[in-house]
Amino acid sequence: MVKSAAEYQRAYRERLKEKEKEAVGIADEAFQAPFHEFMGDFWNDVTTYLEWSGIKEIPDYAADGDTDPDWNAETDGPNRGALGRAERMVGLYLDAASTLAGYINRYKEQEISNRIGELEASDLSDPEARKQALADIVTLTKYRDQLSKQVRWTLPQWKVKGE
């Protein structure tokens, strides 16, 4: 029986998944020393920033071995314990920062558009008021244009995957 294109594609994806699992397993074997021992006092550097942002309850990343109750092999990957939890924390903090930045951006764009609308609807019969309103609209438009751009932060690679 001849395979369809979809079946060939499905088999190809399965082979890639198996190859990646194997490569990640080999990489995990390279990490012999416990991560929480390596971090030692460095963890204070991380918690300081979180505390400054108002986060008072910081999870214990140093849960080592099988004691991490939040670990799920299907979604969290092969790393468990301190290293796996730290990797998941990085991903979740990035997701939280991205989501918060999106809402702040949307709020500011909406408020700027409202101010521009108010200026356009205001009484501009006085030449001095018109001049000031136009200057304000130009400034607000520049702010809105600035908000339409993306920002890129560079981070060191923290996950190891197969080829």
C-alpha atoms as a PDB file:
ATOM      1  CA  MET A   1       0.000   0.000   0.000  1.00  0.00           C
ATOM      2  CA  VAL A   2       1.360   3.400  -1.001  1.00  0.00           C
ATOM      3  CA  LYS A   3       1.717   6.086   1.666  1.00  0.00           C
ATOM      4  CA  SER A   4       0.092   9.463   1.159  1.00  0.00           C
ATOM      5  CA  ALA A   5       2.078  12.689   1.391  1.00  0.00           C
ATOM      6  CA  ALA A   6       0.525  13.371   4.795  1.00  0.00           C
ATOM      7  CA  GLU A   7       1.689   9.970   6.092  1.00  0.00           C
ATOM      8  CA  TYR A   8       5.226  10.609   4.868  1.00  0.00           C
ATOM      9  CA  GLN A   9       5.180  14.011   6.566  1.00  0.00           C
ATOM     10  CA  ARG A  10       3.837  12.521   9.816  1.00  0.00           C
ATOM     11  CA  ALA A  11       6.557   9.854   9.810  1.00  0.00           C
ATOM     12  CA  TYR A  12       9.203  12.517   9.132  1.00  0.00           C
ATOM     13  CA  ARG A  13       7.993  14.598  12.090  1.00  0.00           C
ATOM     14  CA  GLU A  14       8.029  11.541  14.352  1.00  0.00           C
ATOM     15  CA  ARG A  15      11.630  10.802  13.328  1.00  0.00           C
ATOM     16  CA  LEU A  16      12.599  14.418  14.098  1.00  0.00           C
ATOM     17  CA  LYS A  17      10.932  14.224  17.532  1.00  0.00           C
ATOM     18  CA  GLU A  18      12.770  11.023  18.371  1.00  0.00           C
ATOM     19  CA  LYS A  19      16.068  12.485  17.188  1.00  0.00           C
ATOM     20  CA  GLU A  20      15.537  15.612  19.321  1.00  0.00           C
ATOM     21  CA  LYS A  21      14.626  13.559  22.415  1.00  0.00           C
ATOM     22  CA  GLU A  22      17.788  11.533  21.959  1.00  0.00           C
ATOM     23  CA  ALA A  23      19.961  14.640  21.536  1.00  0.00           C
ATOM     24  CA  VAL A  24      18.408  16.338  24.572  1.00  0.00           C
ATOM     25  CA  GLY A  25      18.989  13.202  26.616  1.00  0.00           C
ATOM     26  CA  ILE A  26      22.665  13.229  25.679  1.00  0.00           C
ATOM     27  CA  ALA A  27      22.916  16.913  26.559  1.00  0.00           C
ATOM     28  CA  ASP A  28      21.232  16.313  29.929  1.00  0.00           C
ATOM     29  CA  GLU A  29      23.838  13.672  30.757  1.00  0.00           C
ATOM     30  CA  ALA A  30      26.524  16.349  30.296  1.00  0.00           C
ATOM     31  CA  PHE A  31      25.192  18.285  33.308  1.00  0.00           C
ATOM     32  CA  GLN A  32      26.611  16.331  36.230  1.00  0.00           C
ATOM     33  CA  ALA A  33      26.931  18.878  39.062  1.00  0.00           C
ATOM     34  CA  PRO A  34      23.658  19.910  40.734  1.00  0.00           C
ATOM     35  CA  PHE A  35      22.469  23.259  39.390  1.00  0.00           C
ATOM     36  CA  HIS A  36      21.300  24.541  42.766  1.00  0.00           C
ATOM     37  CA  GLU A  37      24.824  24.090  44.129  1.00  0.00           C
ATOM     38  CA  PHE A  38      26.266  26.045  41.211  1.00  0.00           C
ATOM     39  CA  MET A  39      23.785  28.887  41.750  1.00  0.00           C
ATOM     40  CA  GLY A  40      24.561  29.232  45.463  1.00  0.00           C
ATOM     41  CA  ASP A  41      24.552  32.956  46.216  1.00  0.00           C
ATOM     42  CA  PHE A  42      23.900  33.890  42.578  1.00  0.00           C
ATOM     43  CA  TRP A  43      20.211  33.203  43.216  1.00  0.00           C
ATOM     44  CA  ASN A  44      20.118  36.370  45.338  1.00  0.00           C
ATOM     45  CA  ASP A  45      20.836  38.396  42.181  1.00  0.00           C
ATOM     46  CA  VAL A  46      17.687  36.976  40.577  1.00  0.00           C
ATOM     47  CA  THR A  47      15.446  37.337  43.607  1.00  0.00           C
ATOM     48  CA  THR A  48      16.511  40.942  44.147  1.00  0.00           C
ATOM     49  CA  TYR A  49      14.989  41.993  40.809  1.00  0.00           C
ATOM     50  CA  LEU A  50      11.814  40.055  41.509  1.00  0.00           C
ATOM     51  CA  GLU A  51      11.483  41.620  44.957  1.00  0.00           C
ATOM     52  CA  TRP A  52      11.992  45.095  43.478  1.00  0.00           C
ATOM     53  CA  SER A  53       9.063  44.419  41.162  1.00  0.00           C
ATOM     54  CA  GLY A  54       6.901  43.573  44.165  1.00  0.00           C
ATOM     55  CA  ILE A  55       6.998  39.784  43.912  1.00  0.00           C
ATOM     56  CA  LYS A  56       7.237  38.664  47.520  1.00  0.00           C
ATOM     57  CA  GLU A  57       6.685  34.939  47.183  1.00  0.00           C
ATOM     58  CA  ILE A  58       9.480  33.559  45.039  1.00  0.00           C
ATOM     59  CA  PRO A  59       9.333  29.837  44.262  1.00  0.00           C
ATOM     60  CA  ASP A  60      12.071  27.560  45.515  1.00  0.00           C
ATOM     61  CA  TYR A  61      13.932  26.804  42.313  1.00  0.00           C
ATOM     62  CA  ALA A  62      16.327  24.526  44.178  1.00  0.00           C
ATOM     63  CA  ALA A  63      13.855  21.649  44.476  1.00  0.00           C
ATOM     64  CA  ASP A  64      16.141  18.918  43.207  1.00  0.00           C
ATOM     65  CA  GLY A  65      15.398  15.438  41.918  1.00  0.00           C
ATOM     66  CA  ASP A  66      11.826  14.178  41.650  1.00  0.00           C
ATOM     67  CA  THR A  67      10.547  16.486  44.363  1.00  0.00           C
ATOM     68  CA  ASP A  68       9.424  19.208  41.928  1.00  0.00           C
ATOM     69  CA  PRO A  69       5.609  18.807  41.998  1.00  0.00           C
ATOM     70  CA  ASP A  70       5.078  21.106  39.006  1.00  0.00           C
ATOM     71  CA  TRP A  71       7.238  19.043  36.635  1.00  0.00           C
ATOM     72  CA  ASN A  72       5.455  17.353  33.723  1.00  0.00           C
ATOM     73  CA  ALA A  73       7.545  15.272  31.294  1.00  0.00           C
ATOM     74  CA  GLU A  74       5.240  16.007  28.326  1.00  0.00           C
ATOM     75  CA  THR A  75       5.224  19.812  28.645  1.00  0.00           C
ATOM     76  CA  ASP A  76       8.359  20.638  30.618  1.00  0.00           C
ATOM     77  CA  GLY A  77      10.885  18.481  28.840  1.00  0.00           C
ATOM     78  CA  PRO A  78      13.428  16.121  30.312  1.00  0.00           C
ATOM     79  CA  ASN A  79      15.003  18.481  32.851  1.00  0.00           C
ATOM     80  CA  ARG A  80      13.582  18.244  36.292  1.00  0.00           C
ATOM     81  CA  GLY A  81      14.802  19.557  39.585  1.00  0.00           C
ATOM     82  CA  ALA A  82      16.556  22.896  39.938  1.00  0.00           C
ATOM     83  CA  LEU A  83      17.777  23.232  36.353  1.00  0.00           C
ATOM     84  CA  GLY A  84      14.449  22.315  34.774  1.00  0.00           C
ATOM     85  CA  ARG A  85      12.525  24.586  37.105  1.00  0.00           C
ATOM     86  CA  ALA A  86      14.917  27.487  36.407  1.00  0.00           C
ATOM     87  CA  GLU A  87      14.475  26.964  32.628  1.00  0.00           C
ATOM     88  CA  ARG A  88      10.693  26.953  32.984  1.00  0.00           C
ATOM     89  CA  MET A  89      10.863  30.083  35.139  1.00  0.00           C
ATOM     90  CA  VAL A  90      12.786  31.933  32.416  1.00  0.00           C
ATOM     91  CA  GLY A  91      10.169  31.008  29.811  1.00  0.00           C
ATOM     92  CA  LEU A  92       7.263  31.965  32.041  1.00  0.00           C
ATOM     93  CA  TYR A  93       8.833  35.281  33.062  1.00  0.00           C
ATOM     94  CA  LEU A  94       9.429  36.107  29.393  1.00  0.00           C
ATOM     95  CA  ASP A  95       5.796  35.271  28.610  1.00  0.00           C
ATOM     96  CA  ALA A  96       4.624  37.441  31.509  1.00  0.00           C
ATOM     97  CA  ALA A  97       6.842  40.350  30.444  1.00  0.00           C
ATOM     98  CA  SER A  98       5.649  40.102  26.836  1.00  0.00           C
ATOM     99  CA  THR A  99       1.989  39.997  27.864  1.00  0.00           C
ATOM    100  CA  LEU A 100       2.354  42.925  30.267  1.00  0.00           C
ATOM    101  CA  ALA A 101       4.258  44.965  27.655  1.00  0.00           C
ATOM    102  CA  GLY A 102       1.445  44.308  25.151  1.00  0.00           C
ATOM    103  CA  TYR A 103      -1.234  45.572  27.531  1.00  0.00           C
ATOM    104  CA  ILE A 104       0.794  48.662  28.459  1.00  0.00           C
ATOM    105  CA  ASN A 105       1.316  49.355  24.757  1.00  0.00           C
ATOM    106  CA  ARG A 106      -2.374  48.981  23.969  1.00  0.00           C
ATOM    107  CA  TYR A 107      -3.341  51.277  26.869  1.00  0.00           C
ATOM    108  CA  LYS A 108      -0.904  54.007  25.820  1.00  0.00           C
ATOM    109  CA  GLU A 109      -1.944  53.867  22.159  1.00  0.00           C
ATOM    110  CA  GLN A 110      -5.602  54.118  23.160  1.00  0.00           C
ATOM    111  CA  GLU A 111      -4.970  57.075  25.474  1.00  0.00           C
ATOM    112  CA  ILE A 112      -2.871  58.899  22.865  1.00  0.00           C
ATOM    113  CA  SER A 113      -5.581  58.377  20.242  1.00  0.00           C
ATOM    114  CA  ASN A 114      -8.170  59.718  22.686  1.00  0.00           C
ATOM    115  CA  ARG A 115      -6.076  62.848  23.343  1.00  0.00           C
ATOM    116  CA  ILE A 116      -5.595  63.420  19.601  1.00  0.00           C
ATOM    117  CA  GLY A 117      -9.350  63.035  19.094  1.00  0.00           C
ATOM    118  CA  GLU A 118     -10.038  65.564  21.859  1.00  0.00           C
ATOM    119  CA  LEU A 119      -7.604  68.049  20.323  1.00  0.00           C
ATOM    120  CA  GLU A 120      -9.154  67.646  16.872  1.00  0.00           C
ATOM    121  CA  ALA A 121     -12.659  68.152  18.278  1.00  0.00           C
ATOM    122  CA  SER A 122     -11.714  71.211  20.349  1.00  0.00           C
ATOM    123  CA  ASP A 123     -12.432  74.782  19.317  1.00  0.00           C
ATOM    124  CA  LEU A 124      -9.512  75.842  17.108  1.00  0.00           C
ATOM    125  CA  SER A 125     -10.769  79.291  16.122  1.00  0.00           C
ATOM    126  CA  ASP A 126      -8.019  81.052  18.081  1.00  0.00           C
ATOM    127  CA  PRO A 127      -4.769  80.976  16.025  1.00  0.00           C
ATOM    128  CA  GLU A 128      -2.615  80.516  19.118  1.00  0.00           C
ATOM    129  CA  ALA A 129      -4.770  77.603  20.359  1.00  0.00           C
ATOM    130  CA  ARG A 130      -4.698  76.016  16.882  1.00  0.00           C
ATOM    131  CA  LYS A 131      -0.925  76.319  16.759  1.00  0.00           C
ATOM    132  CA  GLN A 132      -0.567  74.698  20.190  1.00  0.00           C
ATOM    133  CA  ALA A 133      -3.074  71.939  19.331  1.00  0.00           C
ATOM    134  CA  LEU A 134      -1.253  71.086  16.105  1.00  0.00           C
ATOM    135  CA  ALA A 135       2.077  70.972  17.947  1.00  0.00           C
ATOM    136  CA  ASP A 136       0.527  68.656  20.554  1.00  0.00           C
ATOM    137  CA  ILE A 137      -0.947  66.424  17.843  1.00  0.00           C
ATOM    138  CA  VAL A 138       2.459  66.141  16.158  1.00  0.00           C
ATOM    139  CA  THR A 139       4.096  65.217  19.467  1.00  0.00           C
ATOM    140  CA  LEU A 140       1.399  62.682  20.333  1.00  0.00           C
ATOM    141  CA  THR A 141       1.613  61.160  16.847  1.00  0.00           C
ATOM    142  CA  LYS A 142       5.369  60.699  17.307  1.00  0.00           C
ATOM    143  CA  TYR A 143       4.705  58.925  20.613  1.00  0.00           C
ATOM    144  CA  ARG A 144       2.138  56.666  18.937  1.00  0.00           C
ATOM    145  CA  ASP A 145       4.574  55.888  16.102  1.00  0.00           C
ATOM    146  CA  GLN A 146       7.208  55.017  18.681  1.00  0.00           C
ATOM    147  CA  LEU A 147       4.782  52.568  20.306  1.00  0.00           C
ATOM    148  CA  SER A 148       4.202  50.788  16.989  1.00  0.00           C
ATOM    149  CA  LYS A 149       7.802  49.554  16.954  1.00  0.00           C
ATOM    150  CA  GLN A 150       9.099  46.310  18.438  1.00  0.00           C
ATOM    151  CA  VAL A 151      11.839  46.125  21.045  1.00  0.00           C
ATOM    152  CA  ARG A 152      14.429  43.362  21.058  1.00  0.00           C
ATOM    153  CA  TRP A 153      16.245  42.185  24.138  1.00  0.00           C
ATOM    154  CA  THR A 154      19.123  39.799  23.682  1.00  0.00           C
ATOM    155  CA  LEU A 155      19.448  36.973  26.166  1.00  0.00           C
ATOM    156  CA  PRO A 156      21.991  34.217  26.496  1.00  0.00           C
ATOM    157  CA  GLN A 157      20.742  30.863  25.210  1.00  0.00           C
ATOM    158  CA  TRP A 158      19.534  28.800  28.174  1.00  0.00           C
ATOM    159  CA  LYS A 159      18.139  25.667  26.532  1.00  0.00           C
ATOM    160  CA  VAL A 160      20.075  22.949  24.756  1.00  0.00           C
ATOM    161  CA  LYS A 161      18.313  21.080  21.955  1.00  0.00           C
ATOM    162  CA  GLY A 162      19.360  18.573  19.356  1.00  0.00           C
ATOM    163  CA  GLU A 163      20.882  19.449  16.008  1.00  0.00           C
END
